[in-house]
Amino acid sequence: MTHNVLIDHGKAIDVGEESSSSVISRYPSGPYTTMRTLDQMKVVDFDFHVQRLHDSLLSLKTIHPHLEFPPESDELFSTSSLKELLTTIIREGLTEFFRLNGNSISFRNEFSEVSSESHNFFAEVRIYVLLLVETDETTGRRVPHAVVYLNSLSSRVRSAVGSEVLCEIRGSVVRQNSEAKDSEWMKARQAVEKFAAPETEELLLRDENGHVFEGHSSNFFVMLRDGSLQTASQGILSGSVRKTILLLAEQKGIPINYECPDLAQSNNWAYAFISSTSRLILPITSITIFTHTDDKEPESILTFGDHKKENTPPAKNLTALILALKEELNSKAVMILPVPQPRKR
């Protein structure tokens, strides 16, 4: 059994196998982001996620009154203050997660001593952060309230960068607010996700004209048969990994088409893949398309070959991006847990 962990108001809670959507739905709406560990002790693109929370909070506080705070509290919500707060909470969360589930490193701290001989090994951890605003009972000031939930990356995600996955499209749904990452979207999408097959990794969003924008929790890309990369530039929430992929594509001379991928032109798609902080790059084996959200029979199924077995320009370009991405993200990962020290004998 996996022991997922919730950190709230300095208290570590073992929530068993309860899902992130179930846990987050207990709280009011607010900005959220999803991080992942790398080599267990580091968090990928930590500064980006702190900035995203900060910017989303400023955007959403005009929509959600419970997120408002006066100018005198501005310093508490600065990126530097949020980074310090989240570093402390995430460190506590990872420590508790590994105490409950085991890990492959060995370090000492005030909470516990974790043995590298543990048999219950979880390679990497997915970290959800929900940022709220509350009133401090002592000072009366409006202060940040960060809720952190941790679970293990799925076997598909952690097995290898570039593992193939299945996706679905159900009905015609697009994100209403692509400028901020609001937990309200996390709650709303459950109405669609409950119809997805258990083996489906991600649901993709298309409009009524057949344009595929992004996934429920990922960005969407297509490798065209001429070797170029295609992804939507409007109407999406652009993730840190998406930005890195585009930068790497430019560095490698891979042409980029910013028109939203159109299902009517899918015969020109050599490969498709999703990206996110937790998934990095995951090529798609097939996309099963349903006309309506709750349909049982699909209208069509798109299938893609194995880029690792082909020697075409799109296959070479996809492989190059997969290999370059982890190396790039490793260079930008921030150490959260203390570096293990040799044991005294």
C-alpha atoms as a PDB file:
ATOM      1  CA  MET A   1       0.000   0.000   0.000  1.00  0.00           C
ATOM      2  CA  THR A   2       1.185   3.486  -0.849  1.00  0.00           C
ATOM      3  CA  HIS A   3       1.048   6.108   1.894  1.00  0.00           C
ATOM      4  CA  ASN A   4       0.284   9.459   0.284  1.00  0.00           C
ATOM      5  CA  VAL A   5       1.060  12.449   2.491  1.00  0.00           C
ATOM      6  CA  LEU A   6      -0.723  15.753   3.136  1.00  0.00           C
ATOM      7  CA  ILE A   7       1.055  18.664   4.847  1.00  0.00           C
ATOM      8  CA  ASP A   8      -1.329  21.265   6.262  1.00  0.00           C
ATOM      9  CA  HIS A   9      -0.552  23.875   8.929  1.00  0.00           C
ATOM     10  CA  GLY A  10       2.695  22.121   9.791  1.00  0.00           C
ATOM     11  CA  LYS A  11       1.041  18.772  10.361  1.00  0.00           C
ATOM     12  CA  ALA A  12       1.954  15.694   8.302  1.00  0.00           C
ATOM     13  CA  ILE A  13      -1.059  13.469   7.625  1.00  0.00           C
ATOM     14  CA  ASP A  14      -0.981   9.969   6.149  1.00  0.00           C
ATOM     15  CA  VAL A  15      -3.947   9.950   3.721  1.00  0.00           C
ATOM     16  CA  GLY A  16      -3.329   6.412   2.498  1.00  0.00           C
ATOM     17  CA  GLU A  17      -4.131   6.006  -1.189  1.00  0.00           C
ATOM     18  CA  GLU A  18      -6.546   8.948  -1.385  1.00  0.00           C
ATOM     19  CA  SER A  19      -6.111  10.786  -4.698  1.00  0.00           C
ATOM     20  CA  SER A  20      -4.884  14.332  -5.176  1.00  0.00           C
ATOM     21  CA  SER A  21      -8.214  15.483  -6.644  1.00  0.00           C
ATOM     22  CA  SER A  22     -10.083  14.081  -3.644  1.00  0.00           C
ATOM     23  CA  VAL A  23      -7.773  15.817  -1.177  1.00  0.00           C
ATOM     24  CA  ILE A  24      -7.654  19.165  -2.989  1.00  0.00           C
ATOM     25  CA  SER A  25     -11.458  19.223  -3.376  1.00  0.00           C
ATOM     26  CA  ARG A  26     -11.748  19.637   0.406  1.00  0.00           C
ATOM     27  CA  TYR A  27     -10.245  23.119   0.171  1.00  0.00           C
ATOM     28  CA  PRO A  28     -11.444  26.419  -1.338  1.00  0.00           C
ATOM     29  CA  SER A  29     -10.344  27.242  -4.880  1.00  0.00           C
ATOM     30  CA  GLY A  30      -6.912  28.724  -5.328  1.00  0.00           C
ATOM     31  CA  PRO A  31      -3.754  28.666  -7.453  1.00  0.00           C
ATOM     32  CA  TYR A  32      -1.976  25.327  -7.582  1.00  0.00           C
ATOM     33  CA  THR A  33       0.959  23.727  -9.317  1.00  0.00           C
ATOM     34  CA  THR A  34       2.425  20.248  -9.699  1.00  0.00           C
ATOM     35  CA  MET A  35       6.113  19.579  -9.144  1.00  0.00           C
ATOM     36  CA  ARG A  36       8.236  16.428  -9.187  1.00  0.00           C
ATOM     37  CA  THR A  37      11.449  15.265  -7.614  1.00  0.00           C
ATOM     38  CA  LEU A  38      14.580  14.332  -9.525  1.00  0.00           C
ATOM     39  CA  ASP A  39      16.987  11.919  -7.849  1.00  0.00           C
ATOM     40  CA  GLN A  40      14.584  12.150  -4.895  1.00  0.00           C
ATOM     41  CA  MET A  41      16.344  15.079  -3.222  1.00  0.00           C
ATOM     42  CA  LYS A  42      15.809  17.756  -5.887  1.00  0.00           C
ATOM     43  CA  VAL A  43      12.712  19.476  -7.284  1.00  0.00           C
ATOM     44  CA  VAL A  44      12.548  20.202 -11.003  1.00  0.00           C
ATOM     45  CA  ASP A  45      12.126  23.856 -12.023  1.00  0.00           C
ATOM     46  CA  PHE A  46      11.310  24.915  -8.465  1.00  0.00           C
ATOM     47  CA  ASP A  47      11.687  28.650  -9.154  1.00  0.00           C
ATOM     48  CA  PHE A  48       9.268  28.442 -12.094  1.00  0.00           C
ATOM     49  CA  HIS A  49       6.584  26.824  -9.936  1.00  0.00           C
ATOM     50  CA  VAL A  50       6.999  29.400  -7.162  1.00  0.00           C
ATOM     51  CA  GLN A  51       6.635  32.180  -9.726  1.00  0.00           C
ATOM     52  CA  ARG A  52       3.568  30.467 -11.233  1.00  0.00           C
ATOM     53  CA  LEU A  53       1.877  30.299  -7.814  1.00  0.00           C
ATOM     54  CA  HIS A  54       2.681  33.952  -7.159  1.00  0.00           C
ATOM     55  CA  ASP A  55       1.405  35.157 -10.541  1.00  0.00           C
ATOM     56  CA  SER A  56      -1.710  32.959 -10.444  1.00  0.00           C
ATOM     57  CA  LEU A  57      -2.555  34.237  -6.964  1.00  0.00           C
ATOM     58  CA  LEU A  58      -2.404  37.857  -8.146  1.00  0.00           C
ATOM     59  CA  SER A  59      -4.683  36.958 -11.063  1.00  0.00           C
ATOM     60  CA  LEU A  60      -7.176  34.847  -9.090  1.00  0.00           C
ATOM     61  CA  LYS A  61      -7.597  37.142  -6.091  1.00  0.00           C
ATOM     62  CA  THR A  62      -9.723  39.390  -8.302  1.00  0.00           C
ATOM     63  CA  ILE A  63     -12.021  36.412  -8.957  1.00  0.00           C
ATOM     64  CA  HIS A  64     -12.041  34.682  -5.555  1.00  0.00           C
ATOM     65  CA  PRO A  65     -12.586  37.086  -2.605  1.00  0.00           C
ATOM     66  CA  HIS A  66     -11.141  34.564  -0.128  1.00  0.00           C
ATOM     67  CA  LEU A  67      -7.741  35.028  -1.814  1.00  0.00           C
ATOM     68  CA  GLU A  68      -7.574  38.791  -1.253  1.00  0.00           C
ATOM     69  CA  PHE A  69      -4.870  40.386   0.880  1.00  0.00           C
ATOM     70  CA  PRO A  70      -4.018  44.085   1.551  1.00  0.00           C
ATOM     71  CA  PRO A  71      -0.828  45.857   0.382  1.00  0.00           C
ATOM     72  CA  GLU A  72       0.723  45.608   3.865  1.00  0.00           C
ATOM     73  CA  SER A  73       0.894  41.825   3.364  1.00  0.00           C
ATOM     74  CA  ASP A  74       2.618  42.045  -0.024  1.00  0.00           C
ATOM     75  CA  GLU A  75       6.014  41.029   1.356  1.00  0.00           C
ATOM     76  CA  LEU A  76       4.591  37.795   2.770  1.00  0.00           C
ATOM     77  CA  PHE A  77       3.430  36.854  -0.732  1.00  0.00           C
ATOM     78  CA  SER A  78       6.623  37.788  -2.573  1.00  0.00           C
ATOM     79  CA  THR A  79       8.339  35.062  -4.558  1.00  0.00           C
ATOM     80  CA  SER A  80      11.247  34.990  -2.098  1.00  0.00           C
ATOM     81  CA  SER A  81       8.925  34.541   0.895  1.00  0.00           C
ATOM     82  CA  LEU A  82       6.871  31.887  -0.885  1.00  0.00           C
ATOM     83  CA  LYS A  83      10.025  30.023  -1.896  1.00  0.00           C
ATOM     84  CA  GLU A  84      11.242  29.940   1.703  1.00  0.00           C
ATOM     85  CA  LEU A  85       7.827  28.769   2.946  1.00  0.00           C
ATOM     86  CA  LEU A  86       7.467  26.044   0.305  1.00  0.00           C
ATOM     87  CA  THR A  87      11.023  24.767   0.753  1.00  0.00           C
ATOM     88  CA  THR A  88      10.306  24.106   4.424  1.00  0.00           C
ATOM     89  CA  ILE A  89       6.925  22.454   3.806  1.00  0.00           C
ATOM     90  CA  ILE A  90       8.061  20.306   0.868  1.00  0.00           C
ATOM     91  CA  ARG A  91      11.132  19.168   2.793  1.00  0.00           C
ATOM     92  CA  GLU A  92       8.873  18.055   5.637  1.00  0.00           C
ATOM     93  CA  GLY A  93       6.539  16.341   3.182  1.00  0.00           C
ATOM     94  CA  LEU A  94       9.298  14.404   1.412  1.00  0.00           C
ATOM     95  CA  THR A  95      10.789  13.357   4.717  1.00  0.00           C
ATOM     96  CA  GLU A  96       7.458  11.968   5.881  1.00  0.00           C
ATOM     97  CA  PHE A  97       6.725  10.342   2.523  1.00  0.00           C
ATOM     98  CA  PHE A  98      10.020   8.470   2.523  1.00  0.00           C
ATOM     99  CA  ARG A  99       9.650   7.584   6.205  1.00  0.00           C
ATOM    100  CA  LEU A 100       6.335   5.885   5.408  1.00  0.00           C
ATOM    101  CA  ASN A 101       7.205   4.374   2.041  1.00  0.00           C
ATOM    102  CA  GLY A 102      10.966   3.909   2.007  1.00  0.00           C
ATOM    103  CA  ASN A 103      13.513   5.289  -0.434  1.00  0.00           C
ATOM    104  CA  SER A 104      16.892   4.570  -1.982  1.00  0.00           C
ATOM    105  CA  ILE A 105      18.942   7.219  -0.214  1.00  0.00           C
ATOM    106  CA  SER A 106      20.098   7.509   3.354  1.00  0.00           C
ATOM    107  CA  PHE A 107      19.956  10.753   5.308  1.00  0.00           C
ATOM    108  CA  ARG A 108      19.490  11.943   8.882  1.00  0.00           C
ATOM    109  CA  ASN A 109      17.206  14.707  10.153  1.00  0.00           C
ATOM    110  CA  GLU A 110      15.106  15.618  13.142  1.00  0.00           C
ATOM    111  CA  PHE A 111      12.145  13.527  11.977  1.00  0.00           C
ATOM    112  CA  SER A 112      13.622  10.128  11.225  1.00  0.00           C
ATOM    113  CA  GLU A 113      16.467   8.041   9.887  1.00  0.00           C
ATOM    114  CA  VAL A 114      15.716   6.367   6.560  1.00  0.00           C
ATOM    115  CA  SER A 115      17.581   3.221   5.590  1.00  0.00           C
ATOM    116  CA  SER A 116      18.840   2.638   2.054  1.00  0.00           C
ATOM    117  CA  GLU A 117      18.048  -1.043   2.568  1.00  0.00           C
ATOM    118  CA  SER A 118      14.299  -0.364   2.559  1.00  0.00           C
ATOM    119  CA  HIS A 119      12.419  -2.708   0.257  1.00  0.00           C
ATOM    120  CA  ASN A 120       9.488  -0.411  -0.398  1.00  0.00           C
ATOM    121  CA  PHE A 121      11.189   1.811  -2.960  1.00  0.00           C
ATOM    122  CA  PHE A 122       9.555   4.743  -4.727  1.00  0.00           C
ATOM    123  CA  ALA A 123      11.839   6.301  -7.314  1.00  0.00           C
ATOM    124  CA  GLU A 124      10.341   9.784  -7.558  1.00  0.00           C
ATOM    125  CA  VAL A 125       7.542  11.818  -5.999  1.00  0.00           C
ATOM    126  CA  ARG A 126       4.820  14.049  -7.456  1.00  0.00           C
ATOM    127  CA  ILE A 127       4.176  17.170  -5.353  1.00  0.00           C
ATOM    128  CA  TYR A 128       0.929  19.159  -5.530  1.00  0.00           C
ATOM    129  CA  VAL A 129       0.910  22.628  -3.964  1.00  0.00           C
ATOM    130  CA  LEU A 130      -2.291  24.606  -3.352  1.00  0.00           C
ATOM    131  CA  LEU A 131      -1.782  28.216  -2.264  1.00  0.00           C
ATOM    132  CA  LEU A 132      -4.506  29.860  -0.164  1.00  0.00           C
ATOM    133  CA  VAL A 133      -4.779  32.998   1.966  1.00  0.00           C
ATOM    134  CA  GLU A 134      -5.915  33.030   5.589  1.00  0.00           C
ATOM    135  CA  THR A 135      -6.030  35.401   8.552  1.00  0.00           C
ATOM    136  CA  ASP A 136      -3.445  34.813  11.263  1.00  0.00           C
ATOM    137  CA  GLU A 137      -5.325  34.430  14.558  1.00  0.00           C
ATOM    138  CA  THR A 138      -2.563  36.150  16.552  1.00  0.00           C
ATOM    139  CA  THR A 139      -1.669  39.131  14.378  1.00  0.00           C
ATOM    140  CA  GLY A 140      -4.842  39.494  12.326  1.00  0.00           C
ATOM    141  CA  ARG A 141      -2.715  39.750   9.168  1.00  0.00           C
ATOM    142  CA  ARG A 142      -3.545  38.010   5.907  1.00  0.00           C
ATOM    143  CA  VAL A 143      -0.882  35.337   5.387  1.00  0.00           C
ATOM    144  CA  PRO A 144      -0.141  32.560   2.869  1.00  0.00           C
ATOM    145  CA  HIS A 145      -1.482  29.074   3.620  1.00  0.00           C
ATOM    146  CA  ALA A 146       0.211  26.393   1.526  1.00  0.00           C
ATOM    147  CA  VAL A 147      -1.272  22.904   1.344  1.00  0.00           C
ATOM    148  CA  VAL A 148       1.085  20.223  -0.011  1.00  0.00           C
ATOM    149  CA  TYR A 149       0.109  16.714  -1.148  1.00  0.00           C
ATOM    150  CA  LEU A 150       2.667  14.082  -2.161  1.00  0.00           C
ATOM    151  CA  ASN A 151       2.280  10.760  -3.963  1.00  0.00           C
ATOM    152  CA  SER A 152       4.521   8.493  -6.020  1.00  0.00           C
ATOM    153  CA  LEU A 153       4.809   8.963  -9.754  1.00  0.00           C
ATOM    154  CA  SER A 154       2.845   6.325 -11.647  1.00  0.00           C
ATOM    155  CA  SER A 155       4.803   3.328 -12.939  1.00  0.00           C
ATOM    156  CA  ARG A 156       4.297   4.584 -16.509  1.00  0.00           C
ATOM    157  CA  VAL A 157       5.843   7.926 -15.674  1.00  0.00           C
ATOM    158  CA  ARG A 158       8.731   6.778 -13.498  1.00  0.00           C
ATOM    159  CA  SER A 159       9.745   3.722 -15.526  1.00  0.00           C
ATOM    160  CA  ALA A 160      11.603   5.731 -18.169  1.00  0.00           C
ATOM    161  CA  VAL A 161      11.536   9.095 -19.833  1.00  0.00           C
ATOM    162  CA  GLY A 162       9.782   8.518 -23.139  1.00  0.00           C
ATOM    163  CA  SER A 163       7.498   5.652 -22.083  1.00  0.00           C
ATOM    164  CA  GLU A 164       4.448   5.381 -24.358  1.00  0.00           C
ATOM    165  CA  VAL A 165       0.947   6.110 -23.020  1.00  0.00           C
ATOM    166  CA  LEU A 166      -2.714   6.036 -24.056  1.00  0.00           C
ATOM    167  CA  CYS A 167      -4.859   9.181 -24.294  1.00  0.00           C
ATOM    168  CA  GLU A 168      -8.533   9.978 -24.875  1.00  0.00           C
ATOM    169  CA  ILE A 169     -10.617  12.870 -26.159  1.00  0.00           C
ATOM    170  CA  ARG A 170     -14.126  13.035 -24.700  1.00  0.00           C
ATOM    171  CA  GLY A 171     -16.532  15.592 -26.130  1.00  0.00           C
ATOM    172  CA  SER A 172     -15.524  19.186 -26.821  1.00  0.00           C
ATOM    173  CA  VAL A 173     -14.021  20.842 -23.747  1.00  0.00           C
ATOM    174  CA  VAL A 174     -11.479  23.659 -23.402  1.00  0.00           C
ATOM    175  CA  ARG A 175     -10.019  25.414 -20.376  1.00  0.00           C
ATOM    176  CA  GLN A 176     -11.980  28.567 -19.432  1.00  0.00           C
ATOM    177  CA  ASN A 177      -9.055  30.394 -17.831  1.00  0.00           C
ATOM    178  CA  SER A 178      -5.698  29.627 -19.434  1.00  0.00           C
ATOM    179  CA  GLU A 179      -3.904  32.513 -17.738  1.00  0.00           C
ATOM    180  CA  ALA A 180      -3.838  31.051 -14.207  1.00  0.00           C
ATOM    181  CA  LYS A 181      -3.678  27.568 -12.722  1.00  0.00           C
ATOM    182  CA  ASP A 182      -6.843  27.458 -10.620  1.00  0.00           C
ATOM    183  CA  SER A 183      -7.777  24.426  -8.498  1.00  0.00           C
ATOM    184  CA  GLU A 184     -11.374  25.037  -9.616  1.00  0.00           C
ATOM    185  CA  TRP A 185     -10.336  23.452 -12.929  1.00  0.00           C
ATOM    186  CA  MET A 186      -8.934  20.450 -11.053  1.00  0.00           C
ATOM    187  CA  LYS A 187     -12.384  19.930  -9.510  1.00  0.00           C
ATOM    188  CA  ALA A 188     -14.364  20.584 -12.724  1.00  0.00           C
ATOM    189  CA  ARG A 189     -12.429  18.122 -14.863  1.00  0.00           C
ATOM    190  CA  GLN A 190     -13.373  15.205 -12.580  1.00  0.00           C
ATOM    191  CA  ALA A 191     -16.794  15.180 -14.285  1.00  0.00           C
ATOM    192  CA  VAL A 192     -15.038  14.083 -17.499  1.00  0.00           C
ATOM    193  CA  GLU A 193     -12.204  12.004 -16.054  1.00  0.00           C
ATOM    194  CA  LYS A 194     -14.586   9.567 -14.362  1.00  0.00           C
ATOM    195  CA  PHE A 195     -15.523   8.198 -17.816  1.00  0.00           C
ATOM    196  CA  ALA A 196     -11.928   7.508 -18.905  1.00  0.00           C
ATOM    197  CA  ALA A 197     -10.584   3.959 -19.096  1.00  0.00           C
ATOM    198  CA  PRO A 198      -8.275   2.941 -16.194  1.00  0.00           C
ATOM    199  CA  GLU A 199      -5.294   2.608 -18.520  1.00  0.00           C
ATOM    200  CA  THR A 200      -5.724   6.128 -19.946  1.00  0.00           C
ATOM    201  CA  GLU A 201      -2.882   8.428 -18.889  1.00  0.00           C
ATOM    202  CA  GLU A 202      -4.425  11.727 -20.011  1.00  0.00           C
ATOM    203  CA  LEU A 203      -7.543  13.329 -21.484  1.00  0.00           C
ATOM    204  CA  LEU A 204      -6.939  15.857 -24.251  1.00  0.00           C
ATOM    205  CA  LEU A 205      -8.969  19.018 -24.800  1.00  0.00           C
ATOM    206  CA  ARG A 206     -10.441  19.796 -28.221  1.00  0.00           C
ATOM    207  CA  ASP A 207     -12.834  22.511 -29.335  1.00  0.00           C
ATOM    208  CA  GLU A 208     -15.904  22.075 -31.537  1.00  0.00           C
ATOM    209  CA  ASN A 209     -13.747  22.547 -34.638  1.00  0.00           C
ATOM    210  CA  GLY A 210     -11.473  19.624 -33.814  1.00  0.00           C
ATOM    211  CA  HIS A 211      -8.455  21.592 -32.623  1.00  0.00           C
ATOM    212  CA  VAL A 212      -6.503  19.821 -29.861  1.00  0.00           C
ATOM    213  CA  PHE A 213      -5.153  22.386 -27.394  1.00  0.00           C
ATOM    214  CA  GLU A 214      -3.671  20.561 -24.406  1.00  0.00           C
ATOM    215  CA  GLY A 215      -4.293  17.846 -21.839  1.00  0.00           C
ATOM    216  CA  HIS A 216      -6.207  18.139 -18.574  1.00  0.00           C
ATOM    217  CA  SER A 217      -2.854  18.393 -16.786  1.00  0.00           C
ATOM    218  CA  SER A 218      -0.309  18.492 -19.600  1.00  0.00           C
ATOM    219  CA  ASN A 219       0.720  20.228 -22.796  1.00  0.00           C
ATOM    220  CA  PHE A 220       0.218  18.540 -26.172  1.00  0.00           C
ATOM    221  CA  PHE A 221       2.642  18.304 -29.094  1.00  0.00           C
ATOM    222  CA  VAL A 222       2.671  16.739 -32.549  1.00  0.00           C
ATOM    223  CA  MET A 223       5.729  15.715 -34.559  1.00  0.00           C
ATOM    224  CA  LEU A 224       4.786  16.242 -38.208  1.00  0.00           C
ATOM    225  CA  ARG A 225       6.010  13.938 -40.951  1.00  0.00           C
ATOM    226  CA  ASP A 226       8.458  16.554 -42.202  1.00  0.00           C
ATOM    227  CA  GLY A 227      10.197  16.512 -38.797  1.00  0.00           C
ATOM    228  CA  SER A 228       8.755  19.793 -37.501  1.00  0.00           C
ATOM    229  CA  LEU A 229       7.130  20.243 -34.093  1.00  0.00           C
ATOM    230  CA  GLN A 230       3.562  21.556 -33.711  1.00  0.00           C
ATOM    231  CA  THR A 231       1.823  22.855 -30.560  1.00  0.00           C
ATOM    232  CA  ALA A 232      -0.852  25.438 -29.758  1.00  0.00           C
ATOM    233  CA  SER A 233       0.314  28.872 -28.616  1.00  0.00           C
ATOM    234  CA  GLN A 234      -3.063  30.330 -27.579  1.00  0.00           C
ATOM    235  CA  GLY A 235      -5.760  29.092 -25.197  1.00  0.00           C
ATOM    236  CA  ILE A 236      -3.417  26.891 -23.174  1.00  0.00           C
ATOM    237  CA  LEU A 237      -1.671  26.985 -19.820  1.00  0.00           C
ATOM    238  CA  SER A 238       1.983  26.831 -20.804  1.00  0.00           C
ATOM    239  CA  GLY A 239       4.035  24.668 -18.449  1.00  0.00           C
ATOM    240  CA  SER A 240       7.715  24.933 -17.607  1.00  0.00           C
ATOM    241  CA  VAL A 241       8.542  21.704 -19.438  1.00  0.00           C
ATOM    242  CA  ARG A 242       6.743  22.951 -22.571  1.00  0.00           C
ATOM    243  CA  LYS A 243       8.890  26.071 -22.553  1.00  0.00           C
ATOM    244  CA  THR A 244      12.038  23.996 -22.147  1.00  0.00           C
ATOM    245  CA  ILE A 245      11.042  21.679 -25.002  1.00  0.00           C
ATOM    246  CA  LEU A 246      10.502  24.637 -27.317  1.00  0.00           C
ATOM    247  CA  LEU A 247      13.871  26.094 -26.329  1.00  0.00           C
ATOM    248  CA  LEU A 248      15.599  22.765 -26.977  1.00  0.00           C
ATOM    249  CA  ALA A 249      13.833  22.434 -30.335  1.00  0.00           C
ATOM    250  CA  GLU A 250      15.131  25.849 -31.366  1.00  0.00           C
ATOM    251  CA  GLN A 251      18.654  24.955 -30.249  1.00  0.00           C
ATOM    252  CA  LYS A 252      18.546  21.741 -32.304  1.00  0.00           C
ATOM    253  CA  GLY A 253      17.168  23.471 -35.384  1.00  0.00           C
ATOM    254  CA  ILE A 254      13.791  21.695 -35.254  1.00  0.00           C
ATOM    255  CA  PRO A 255      11.148  23.864 -37.003  1.00  0.00           C
ATOM    256  CA  ILE A 256       8.197  24.827 -34.773  1.00  0.00           C
ATOM    257  CA  ASN A 257       4.621  25.340 -35.972  1.00  0.00           C
ATOM    258  CA  TYR A 258       2.499  27.248 -33.444  1.00  0.00           C
ATOM    259  CA  GLU A 259      -0.854  26.541 -35.104  1.00  0.00           C
ATOM    260  CA  CYS A 260      -3.175  24.503 -32.920  1.00  0.00           C
ATOM    261  CA  PRO A 261      -3.039  20.820 -34.022  1.00  0.00           C
ATOM    262  CA  ASP A 262      -6.143  19.959 -36.061  1.00  0.00           C
ATOM    263  CA  LEU A 263      -7.630  16.458 -36.014  1.00  0.00           C
ATOM    264  CA  ALA A 264      -8.664  16.963 -39.650  1.00  0.00           C
ATOM    265  CA  GLN A 265      -4.948  16.988 -40.512  1.00  0.00           C
ATOM    266  CA  SER A 266      -3.942  14.077 -38.276  1.00  0.00           C
ATOM    267  CA  ASN A 267      -2.821  12.045 -41.304  1.00  0.00           C
ATOM    268  CA  ASN A 268       0.214  14.350 -41.260  1.00  0.00           C
ATOM    269  CA  TRP A 269       1.018  13.523 -37.619  1.00  0.00           C
ATOM    270  CA  ALA A 270       3.959  11.133 -37.337  1.00  0.00           C
ATOM    271  CA  TYR A 271       3.917  11.137 -33.530  1.00  0.00           C
ATOM    272  CA  ALA A 272       2.150  12.906 -30.684  1.00  0.00           C
ATOM    273  CA  PHE A 273       3.240  13.381 -27.093  1.00  0.00           C
ATOM    274  CA  ILE A 274       2.257  15.064 -23.847  1.00  0.00           C
ATOM    275  CA  SER A 275       4.526  16.928 -21.472  1.00  0.00           C
ATOM    276  CA  SER A 276       4.377  18.148 -17.896  1.00  0.00           C
ATOM    277  CA  THR A 277       6.689  18.539 -14.930  1.00  0.00           C
ATOM    278  CA  SER A 278       5.766  15.123 -13.560  1.00  0.00           C
ATOM    279  CA  ARG A 279       5.716  13.330 -16.938  1.00  0.00           C
ATOM    280  CA  LEU A 280       8.530  15.127 -18.778  1.00  0.00           C
ATOM    281  CA  ILE A 281       7.898  13.777 -22.337  1.00  0.00           C
ATOM    282  CA  LEU A 282       5.545  10.827 -22.852  1.00  0.00           C
ATOM    283  CA  PRO A 283       4.923   9.743 -26.472  1.00  0.00           C
ATOM    284  CA  ILE A 284       1.331   8.702 -27.188  1.00  0.00           C
ATOM    285  CA  THR A 285       0.565   5.228 -28.517  1.00  0.00           C
ATOM    286  CA  SER A 286      -3.060   6.004 -29.358  1.00  0.00           C
ATOM    287  CA  ILE A 287      -5.753   8.661 -28.973  1.00  0.00           C
ATOM    288  CA  THR A 288      -9.279   7.300 -28.600  1.00  0.00           C
ATOM    289  CA  ILE A 289     -11.834   9.943 -29.613  1.00  0.00           C
ATOM    290  CA  PHE A 290     -15.386  10.047 -28.242  1.00  0.00           C
ATOM    291  CA  THR A 291     -18.015  12.438 -29.616  1.00  0.00           C
ATOM    292  CA  HIS A 292     -19.621  13.004 -26.219  1.00  0.00           C
ATOM    293  CA  THR A 293     -18.168  12.906 -22.731  1.00  0.00           C
ATOM    294  CA  ASP A 294     -20.033   9.771 -21.607  1.00  0.00           C
ATOM    295  CA  ASP A 295     -19.997   7.789 -24.876  1.00  0.00           C
ATOM    296  CA  LYS A 296     -19.003   4.129 -24.592  1.00  0.00           C
ATOM    297  CA  GLU A 297     -18.060   3.652 -28.247  1.00  0.00           C
ATOM    298  CA  PRO A 298     -15.433   5.902 -29.881  1.00  0.00           C
ATOM    299  CA  GLU A 299     -15.914   7.770 -33.120  1.00  0.00           C
ATOM    300  CA  SER A 300     -12.315   7.017 -34.137  1.00  0.00           C
ATOM    301  CA  ILE A 301      -8.894   5.975 -32.853  1.00  0.00           C
ATOM    302  CA  LEU A 302      -5.563   7.479 -33.884  1.00  0.00           C
ATOM    303  CA  THR A 303      -2.518   5.227 -33.500  1.00  0.00           C
ATOM    304  CA  PHE A 304       1.181   6.057 -33.667  1.00  0.00           C
ATOM    305  CA  GLY A 305       4.315   4.014 -34.284  1.00  0.00           C
ATOM    306  CA  ASP A 306       7.316   3.507 -32.022  1.00  0.00           C
ATOM    307  CA  HIS A 307       9.823   6.311 -32.583  1.00  0.00           C
ATOM    308  CA  LYS A 308      12.590   4.171 -31.071  1.00  0.00           C
ATOM    309  CA  LYS A 309      12.286   1.659 -33.918  1.00  0.00           C
ATOM    310  CA  GLU A 310      12.230   4.138 -36.797  1.00  0.00           C
ATOM    311  CA  ASN A 311      14.918   6.192 -38.488  1.00  0.00           C
ATOM    312  CA  THR A 312      12.839   9.013 -39.967  1.00  0.00           C
ATOM    313  CA  PRO A 313      13.339  12.772 -39.357  1.00  0.00           C
ATOM    314  CA  PRO A 314      10.390  13.006 -36.896  1.00  0.00           C
ATOM    315  CA  ALA A 315      11.616   9.907 -35.013  1.00  0.00           C
ATOM    316  CA  LYS A 316      15.144  11.304 -34.733  1.00  0.00           C
ATOM    317  CA  ASN A 317      13.870  14.697 -33.575  1.00  0.00           C
ATOM    318  CA  LEU A 318      11.562  13.206 -30.948  1.00  0.00           C
ATOM    319  CA  THR A 319      14.358  11.010 -29.590  1.00  0.00           C
ATOM    320  CA  ALA A 320      16.706  14.002 -29.466  1.00  0.00           C
ATOM    321  CA  LEU A 321      14.187  16.036 -27.450  1.00  0.00           C
ATOM    322  CA  ILE A 322      13.564  13.196 -24.986  1.00  0.00           C
ATOM    323  CA  LEU A 323      17.280  12.712 -24.338  1.00  0.00           C
ATOM    324  CA  ALA A 324      18.022  16.433 -24.033  1.00  0.00           C
ATOM    325  CA  LEU A 325      15.112  17.249 -21.721  1.00  0.00           C
ATOM    326  CA  LYS A 326      16.156  15.320 -18.625  1.00  0.00           C
ATOM    327  CA  GLU A 327      19.719  16.610 -18.897  1.00  0.00           C
ATOM    328  CA  GLU A 328      18.434  20.182 -19.137  1.00  0.00           C
ATOM    329  CA  LEU A 329      15.986  19.832 -16.232  1.00  0.00           C
ATOM    330  CA  ASN A 330      18.616  18.215 -14.041  1.00  0.00           C
ATOM    331  CA  SER A 331      20.755  21.322 -14.419  1.00  0.00           C
ATOM    332  CA  LYS A 332      17.847  23.489 -13.185  1.00  0.00           C
ATOM    333  CA  ALA A 333      16.650  21.264 -10.331  1.00  0.00           C
ATOM    334  CA  VAL A 334      16.852  22.713  -6.805  1.00  0.00           C
ATOM    335  CA  MET A 335      18.124  20.632  -3.881  1.00  0.00           C
ATOM    336  CA  ILE A 336      15.375  20.355  -1.255  1.00  0.00           C
ATOM    337  CA  LEU A 337      16.510  17.509   0.980  1.00  0.00           C
ATOM    338  CA  PRO A 338      19.927  17.629   2.685  1.00  0.00           C
ATOM    339  CA  VAL A 339      22.751  15.826   0.931  1.00  0.00           C
ATOM    340  CA  PRO A 340      23.327  12.450   2.624  1.00  0.00           C
ATOM    341  CA  GLN A 341      26.368  12.421   4.888  1.00  0.00           C
ATOM    342  CA  PRO A 342      28.571   9.363   5.491  1.00  0.00           C
ATOM    343  CA  ARG A 343      27.519   7.500   8.603  1.00  0.00           C
ATOM    344  CA  LYS A 344      29.886   7.690  11.563  1.00  0.00           C
ATOM    345  CA  ARG A 345      31.238   4.328  12.580  1.00  0.00           C
END
